[in-house]
């Protein structure tokens, strides 16, 4: 049976979401059809506005509605402690711990040579520009994957010239898992068990 064209287009769009297969997309499409016209229009308007609404902090590259995000603007945060993450969604995952009081730097991905993503394609240069005499520690919390480890080792090499402590979040975080899938306790333990990158290479 062929679905109406407008429904096929919705199904195809939903399949673009990670983890959503064809059958799940069909179920979601029918659920959308059952929504009230008002709610459906509200959802459509918010999705349509998303490309223009999505803006980033000029300092840390996390999501923000201002030029400088609330975390970077917060004088009560410890700006001597910089946590480097792969993606902006990782910031929210770490913030769920309610124990980290430093600031962040979002790389915008990991080094993936096979896909043509090189160090210069990431927000590494702006990270190095942020290191100053007040910086005490940089925590590398890149994605726990082969690409994330490659990125972490590259960052360690670049950061070694600075008189700062360089750490990597603990290996209690399973390899290959995205940080936003971790619960607060696991993430908290990973931060507690972080090690200096130099030690991990020994």
C-alpha atoms as a PDB file:
ATOM      1  CA  UNK A   1       0.000   0.000   0.000  1.00  0.00           C
ATOM      2  CA  UNK A   2       1.304   3.433  -0.944  1.00  0.00           C
ATOM      3  CA  UNK A   3       1.016   6.264   1.570  1.00  0.00           C
ATOM      4  CA  UNK A   4      -0.062   9.736   0.455  1.00  0.00           C
ATOM      5  CA  UNK A   5       2.870  11.794  -0.822  1.00  0.00           C
ATOM      6  CA  UNK A   6       2.753  14.259   2.095  1.00  0.00           C
ATOM      7  CA  UNK A   7       2.971  11.348   4.559  1.00  0.00           C
ATOM      8  CA  UNK A   8       5.822   9.715   2.645  1.00  0.00           C
ATOM      9  CA  UNK A   9       7.763  12.985   2.902  1.00  0.00           C
ATOM     10  CA  UNK A  10       7.232  13.109   6.670  1.00  0.00           C
ATOM     11  CA  UNK A  11       8.354   9.480   7.004  1.00  0.00           C
ATOM     12  CA  UNK A  12      11.481  10.165   4.939  1.00  0.00           C
ATOM     13  CA  UNK A  13      12.282  13.213   7.084  1.00  0.00           C
ATOM     14  CA  UNK A  14      11.882  11.274  10.334  1.00  0.00           C
ATOM     15  CA  UNK A  15      14.235   8.570   9.057  1.00  0.00           C
ATOM     16  CA  UNK A  16      16.997  11.193   9.031  1.00  0.00           C
ATOM     17  CA  UNK A  17      17.000  11.074  12.847  1.00  0.00           C
ATOM     18  CA  UNK A  18      19.604   8.721  14.382  1.00  0.00           C
ATOM     19  CA  UNK A  19      18.165   5.414  15.549  1.00  0.00           C
ATOM     20  CA  UNK A  20      14.879   5.866  13.688  1.00  0.00           C
ATOM     21  CA  UNK A  21      14.202   3.100  11.165  1.00  0.00           C
ATOM     22  CA  UNK A  22      11.455   2.927   8.555  1.00  0.00           C
ATOM     23  CA  UNK A  23       8.873   1.258  10.821  1.00  0.00           C
ATOM     24  CA  UNK A  24       9.495   3.667  13.681  1.00  0.00           C
ATOM     25  CA  UNK A  25       9.240   6.601  11.282  1.00  0.00           C
ATOM     26  CA  UNK A  26       5.860   5.337  10.066  1.00  0.00           C
ATOM     27  CA  UNK A  27       4.543   5.047  13.636  1.00  0.00           C
ATOM     28  CA  UNK A  28       5.778   8.532  14.487  1.00  0.00           C
ATOM     29  CA  UNK A  29       4.242   9.966  11.319  1.00  0.00           C
ATOM     30  CA  UNK A  30       0.837   8.574  12.235  1.00  0.00           C
ATOM     31  CA  UNK A  31       1.213   9.930  15.774  1.00  0.00           C
ATOM     32  CA  UNK A  32       1.863  13.354  14.283  1.00  0.00           C
ATOM     33  CA  UNK A  33      -1.286  13.054  12.195  1.00  0.00           C
ATOM     34  CA  UNK A  34      -3.271  12.425  15.377  1.00  0.00           C
ATOM     35  CA  UNK A  35      -2.020  15.638  16.981  1.00  0.00           C
ATOM     36  CA  UNK A  36      -4.230  18.696  17.023  1.00  0.00           C
ATOM     37  CA  UNK A  37      -3.737  21.161  14.184  1.00  0.00           C
ATOM     38  CA  UNK A  38      -2.564  23.798  16.661  1.00  0.00           C
ATOM     39  CA  UNK A  39       0.158  21.624  18.181  1.00  0.00           C
ATOM     40  CA  UNK A  40       1.219  20.377  14.768  1.00  0.00           C
ATOM     41  CA  UNK A  41       1.569  23.924  13.453  1.00  0.00           C
ATOM     42  CA  UNK A  42       3.488  24.964  16.571  1.00  0.00           C
ATOM     43  CA  UNK A  43       5.916  22.064  16.097  1.00  0.00           C
ATOM     44  CA  UNK A  44       6.325  22.880  12.414  1.00  0.00           C
ATOM     45  CA  UNK A  45       7.054  26.535  13.151  1.00  0.00           C
ATOM     46  CA  UNK A  46       9.682  25.672  15.751  1.00  0.00           C
ATOM     47  CA  UNK A  47      11.413  23.234  13.377  1.00  0.00           C
ATOM     48  CA  UNK A  48      11.322  25.746  10.545  1.00  0.00           C
ATOM     49  CA  UNK A  49      12.923  28.412  12.754  1.00  0.00           C
ATOM     50  CA  UNK A  50      15.659  26.089  14.052  1.00  0.00           C
ATOM     51  CA  UNK A  51      18.306  26.768  11.347  1.00  0.00           C
ATOM     52  CA  UNK A  52      18.153  30.524  11.973  1.00  0.00           C
ATOM     53  CA  UNK A  53      17.785  30.194  15.755  1.00  0.00           C
ATOM     54  CA  UNK A  54      20.797  27.910  16.223  1.00  0.00           C
ATOM     55  CA  UNK A  55      23.671  30.134  17.344  1.00  0.00           C
ATOM     56  CA  UNK A  56      26.904  29.464  19.169  1.00  0.00           C
ATOM     57  CA  UNK A  57      29.006  31.102  21.869  1.00  0.00           C
ATOM     58  CA  UNK A  58      31.936  33.014  20.360  1.00  0.00           C
ATOM     59  CA  UNK A  59      34.220  31.833  23.165  1.00  0.00           C
ATOM     60  CA  UNK A  60      33.420  28.169  23.834  1.00  0.00           C
ATOM     61  CA  UNK A  61      31.318  27.318  20.727  1.00  0.00           C
ATOM     62  CA  UNK A  62      28.460  25.838  22.744  1.00  0.00           C
ATOM     63  CA  UNK A  63      24.832  26.621  21.992  1.00  0.00           C
ATOM     64  CA  UNK A  64      23.853  30.106  23.078  1.00  0.00           C
ATOM     65  CA  UNK A  65      21.282  32.801  22.451  1.00  0.00           C
ATOM     66  CA  UNK A  66      23.917  35.475  23.111  1.00  0.00           C
ATOM     67  CA  UNK A  67      27.395  36.131  21.720  1.00  0.00           C
ATOM     68  CA  UNK A  68      28.837  34.773  24.976  1.00  0.00           C
ATOM     69  CA  UNK A  69      26.953  31.907  26.640  1.00  0.00           C
ATOM     70  CA  UNK A  70      25.732  32.040  30.281  1.00  0.00           C
ATOM     71  CA  UNK A  71      28.430  29.608  31.445  1.00  0.00           C
ATOM     72  CA  UNK A  72      31.280  31.662  29.973  1.00  0.00           C
ATOM     73  CA  UNK A  73      29.670  34.803  31.409  1.00  0.00           C
ATOM     74  CA  UNK A  74      29.293  33.326  34.887  1.00  0.00           C
ATOM     75  CA  UNK A  75      31.929  34.802  37.195  1.00  0.00           C
ATOM     76  CA  UNK A  76      31.166  32.162  39.830  1.00  0.00           C
ATOM     77  CA  UNK A  77      32.471  29.393  37.529  1.00  0.00           C
ATOM     78  CA  UNK A  78      36.118  28.349  37.758  1.00  0.00           C
ATOM     79  CA  UNK A  79      37.561  29.731  34.506  1.00  0.00           C
ATOM     80  CA  UNK A  80      40.958  28.202  35.286  1.00  0.00           C
ATOM     81  CA  UNK A  81      39.451  24.776  34.569  1.00  0.00           C
ATOM     82  CA  UNK A  82      38.512  24.117  30.927  1.00  0.00           C
ATOM     83  CA  UNK A  83      36.672  20.954  29.904  1.00  0.00           C
ATOM     84  CA  UNK A  84      37.108  20.126  26.209  1.00  0.00           C
ATOM     85  CA  UNK A  85      34.246  18.167  24.613  1.00  0.00           C
ATOM     86  CA  UNK A  86      33.546  16.944  21.100  1.00  0.00           C
ATOM     87  CA  UNK A  87      30.005  18.281  20.699  1.00  0.00           C
ATOM     88  CA  UNK A  88      27.787  20.893  22.311  1.00  0.00           C
ATOM     89  CA  UNK A  89      25.333  18.239  23.538  1.00  0.00           C
ATOM     90  CA  UNK A  90      28.156  16.861  25.728  1.00  0.00           C
ATOM     91  CA  UNK A  91      28.088  20.133  27.689  1.00  0.00           C
ATOM     92  CA  UNK A  92      24.535  19.421  28.791  1.00  0.00           C
ATOM     93  CA  UNK A  93      25.439  15.826  29.685  1.00  0.00           C
ATOM     94  CA  UNK A  94      28.230  16.998  31.993  1.00  0.00           C
ATOM     95  CA  UNK A  95      26.115  19.774  33.475  1.00  0.00           C
ATOM     96  CA  UNK A  96      23.627  17.103  34.635  1.00  0.00           C
ATOM     97  CA  UNK A  97      26.238  16.042  37.215  1.00  0.00           C
ATOM     98  CA  UNK A  98      25.803  19.358  39.041  1.00  0.00           C
ATOM     99  CA  UNK A  99      29.383  18.989  40.312  1.00  0.00           C
ATOM    100  CA  UNK A 100      31.593  20.441  37.567  1.00  0.00           C
ATOM    101  CA  UNK A 101      32.095  24.158  38.085  1.00  0.00           C
ATOM    102  CA  UNK A 102      34.597  24.919  35.342  1.00  0.00           C
ATOM    103  CA  UNK A 103      33.986  26.138  31.800  1.00  0.00           C
ATOM    104  CA  UNK A 104      33.847  24.346  28.456  1.00  0.00           C
ATOM    105  CA  UNK A 105      35.304  24.338  24.975  1.00  0.00           C
ATOM    106  CA  UNK A 106      33.408  22.574  22.176  1.00  0.00           C
ATOM    107  CA  UNK A 107      35.574  21.221  19.365  1.00  0.00           C
ATOM    108  CA  UNK A 108      32.718  20.633  16.959  1.00  0.00           C
ATOM    109  CA  UNK A 109      33.591  16.967  16.385  1.00  0.00           C
ATOM    110  CA  UNK A 110      36.557  14.610  16.465  1.00  0.00           C
ATOM    111  CA  UNK A 111      39.489  14.114  14.116  1.00  0.00           C
ATOM    112  CA  UNK A 112      38.358  11.680  11.405  1.00  0.00           C
ATOM    113  CA  UNK A 113      41.103  11.457   8.807  1.00  0.00           C
ATOM    114  CA  UNK A 114      39.191   8.880   6.736  1.00  0.00           C
ATOM    115  CA  UNK A 115      36.346  11.383   6.390  1.00  0.00           C
ATOM    116  CA  UNK A 116      38.588  14.357   5.759  1.00  0.00           C
ATOM    117  CA  UNK A 117      38.032  15.949   9.190  1.00  0.00           C
ATOM    118  CA  UNK A 118      41.440  17.271  10.182  1.00  0.00           C
ATOM    119  CA  UNK A 119      42.594  19.221  13.274  1.00  0.00           C
ATOM    120  CA  UNK A 120      42.256  22.528  11.434  1.00  0.00           C
ATOM    121  CA  UNK A 121      38.573  21.756  10.845  1.00  0.00           C
ATOM    122  CA  UNK A 122      37.892  21.712  14.595  1.00  0.00           C
ATOM    123  CA  UNK A 123      37.856  24.511  17.189  1.00  0.00           C
ATOM    124  CA  UNK A 124      41.377  23.710  18.379  1.00  0.00           C
ATOM    125  CA  UNK A 125      43.086  26.985  17.502  1.00  0.00           C
ATOM    126  CA  UNK A 126      40.541  28.944  19.555  1.00  0.00           C
ATOM    127  CA  UNK A 127      41.126  26.561  22.482  1.00  0.00           C
ATOM    128  CA  UNK A 128      44.853  27.285  22.429  1.00  0.00           C
ATOM    129  CA  UNK A 129      44.095  31.002  22.331  1.00  0.00           C
ATOM    130  CA  UNK A 130      42.124  30.637  25.576  1.00  0.00           C
ATOM    131  CA  UNK A 131      45.080  29.199  27.501  1.00  0.00           C
ATOM    132  CA  UNK A 132      46.637  31.929  29.644  1.00  0.00           C
ATOM    133  CA  UNK A 133      48.455  32.450  32.933  1.00  0.00           C
ATOM    134  CA  UNK A 134      45.230  31.795  34.837  1.00  0.00           C
ATOM    135  CA  UNK A 135      44.605  28.374  33.265  1.00  0.00           C
ATOM    136  CA  UNK A 136      45.381  25.546  35.679  1.00  0.00           C
ATOM    137  CA  UNK A 137      43.893  22.434  34.074  1.00  0.00           C
ATOM    138  CA  UNK A 138      42.416  21.275  30.773  1.00  0.00           C
ATOM    139  CA  UNK A 139      40.173  18.211  31.013  1.00  0.00           C
ATOM    140  CA  UNK A 140      39.915  16.333  27.732  1.00  0.00           C
ATOM    141  CA  UNK A 141      36.429  14.817  27.567  1.00  0.00           C
ATOM    142  CA  UNK A 142      36.281  13.964  23.883  1.00  0.00           C
ATOM    143  CA  UNK A 143      34.065  11.130  22.668  1.00  0.00           C
ATOM    144  CA  UNK A 144      35.178   7.753  24.107  1.00  0.00           C
ATOM    145  CA  UNK A 145      35.902   6.205  20.698  1.00  0.00           C
ATOM    146  CA  UNK A 146      38.891   5.626  18.435  1.00  0.00           C
ATOM    147  CA  UNK A 147      38.340   9.047  16.885  1.00  0.00           C
ATOM    148  CA  UNK A 148      37.953  10.635  20.297  1.00  0.00           C
ATOM    149  CA  UNK A 149      41.191   9.056  21.497  1.00  0.00           C
ATOM    150  CA  UNK A 150      43.000  10.264  18.377  1.00  0.00           C
ATOM    151  CA  UNK A 151      41.708  13.758  19.093  1.00  0.00           C
ATOM    152  CA  UNK A 152      42.719  13.527  22.761  1.00  0.00           C
ATOM    153  CA  UNK A 153      46.285  12.514  21.865  1.00  0.00           C
ATOM    154  CA  UNK A 154      46.550  15.355  19.356  1.00  0.00           C
ATOM    155  CA  UNK A 155      45.289  17.847  21.955  1.00  0.00           C
ATOM    156  CA  UNK A 156      47.773  16.538  24.486  1.00  0.00           C
ATOM    157  CA  UNK A 157      50.614  17.138  22.030  1.00  0.00           C
ATOM    158  CA  UNK A 158      49.424  20.682  21.346  1.00  0.00           C
ATOM    159  CA  UNK A 159      48.857  21.504  25.023  1.00  0.00           C
ATOM    160  CA  UNK A 160      52.178  20.137  26.320  1.00  0.00           C
ATOM    161  CA  UNK A 161      53.932  23.427  25.638  1.00  0.00           C
ATOM    162  CA  UNK A 162      51.794  25.137  28.295  1.00  0.00           C
ATOM    163  CA  UNK A 163      52.528  24.936  32.053  1.00  0.00           C
ATOM    164  CA  UNK A 164      49.150  23.379  32.830  1.00  0.00           C
ATOM    165  CA  UNK A 165      47.766  20.063  34.008  1.00  0.00           C
ATOM    166  CA  UNK A 166      46.254  17.953  31.204  1.00  0.00           C
ATOM    167  CA  UNK A 167      43.781  15.226  32.172  1.00  0.00           C
ATOM    168  CA  UNK A 168      41.470  12.803  30.376  1.00  0.00           C
ATOM    169  CA  UNK A 169      38.122  11.649  31.807  1.00  0.00           C
ATOM    170  CA  UNK A 170      38.288   8.178  33.388  1.00  0.00           C
ATOM    171  CA  UNK A 171      37.920   5.018  31.402  1.00  0.00           C
ATOM    172  CA  UNK A 172      34.809   4.082  33.353  1.00  0.00           C
ATOM    173  CA  UNK A 173      33.101   5.558  30.299  1.00  0.00           C
ATOM    174  CA  UNK A 174      32.596   2.642  27.853  1.00  0.00           C
ATOM    175  CA  UNK A 175      34.388   2.937  24.527  1.00  0.00           C
ATOM    176  CA  UNK A 176      32.108   3.818  21.642  1.00  0.00           C
ATOM    177  CA  UNK A 177      29.277   5.320  23.688  1.00  0.00           C
ATOM    178  CA  UNK A 178      28.091   8.898  23.260  1.00  0.00           C
ATOM    179  CA  UNK A 179      28.384  11.049  26.384  1.00  0.00           C
ATOM    180  CA  UNK A 180      24.750  12.140  26.199  1.00  0.00           C
ATOM    181  CA  UNK A 181      23.678   8.504  26.808  1.00  0.00           C
ATOM    182  CA  UNK A 182      25.477   8.331  30.157  1.00  0.00           C
ATOM    183  CA  UNK A 183      23.702   8.795  33.462  1.00  0.00           C
ATOM    184  CA  UNK A 184      24.866  11.417  35.927  1.00  0.00           C
ATOM    185  CA  UNK A 185      26.548   8.929  38.289  1.00  0.00           C
ATOM    186  CA  UNK A 186      28.661   7.334  35.538  1.00  0.00           C
ATOM    187  CA  UNK A 187      29.682  10.744  34.256  1.00  0.00           C
ATOM    188  CA  UNK A 188      30.530  11.913  37.778  1.00  0.00           C
ATOM    189  CA  UNK A 189      32.740   8.856  38.391  1.00  0.00           C
ATOM    190  CA  UNK A 190      34.493   9.407  35.064  1.00  0.00           C
ATOM    191  CA  UNK A 191      35.423  12.927  36.136  1.00  0.00           C
ATOM    192  CA  UNK A 192      36.527  11.781  39.582  1.00  0.00           C
ATOM    193  CA  UNK A 193      38.800   9.135  38.012  1.00  0.00           C
ATOM    194  CA  UNK A 194      40.345  11.371  35.371  1.00  0.00           C
ATOM    195  CA  UNK A 195      44.071  10.907  34.831  1.00  0.00           C
ATOM    196  CA  UNK A 196      46.869  12.974  33.434  1.00  0.00           C
ATOM    197  CA  UNK A 197      47.198  12.224  29.728  1.00  0.00           C
ATOM    198  CA  UNK A 198      50.938  11.646  30.058  1.00  0.00           C
ATOM    199  CA  UNK A 199      50.276   8.862  32.606  1.00  0.00           C
ATOM    200  CA  UNK A 200      47.861   7.150  30.240  1.00  0.00           C
ATOM    201  CA  UNK A 201      50.550   6.896  27.567  1.00  0.00           C
ATOM    202  CA  UNK A 202      53.011   5.091  29.886  1.00  0.00           C
END
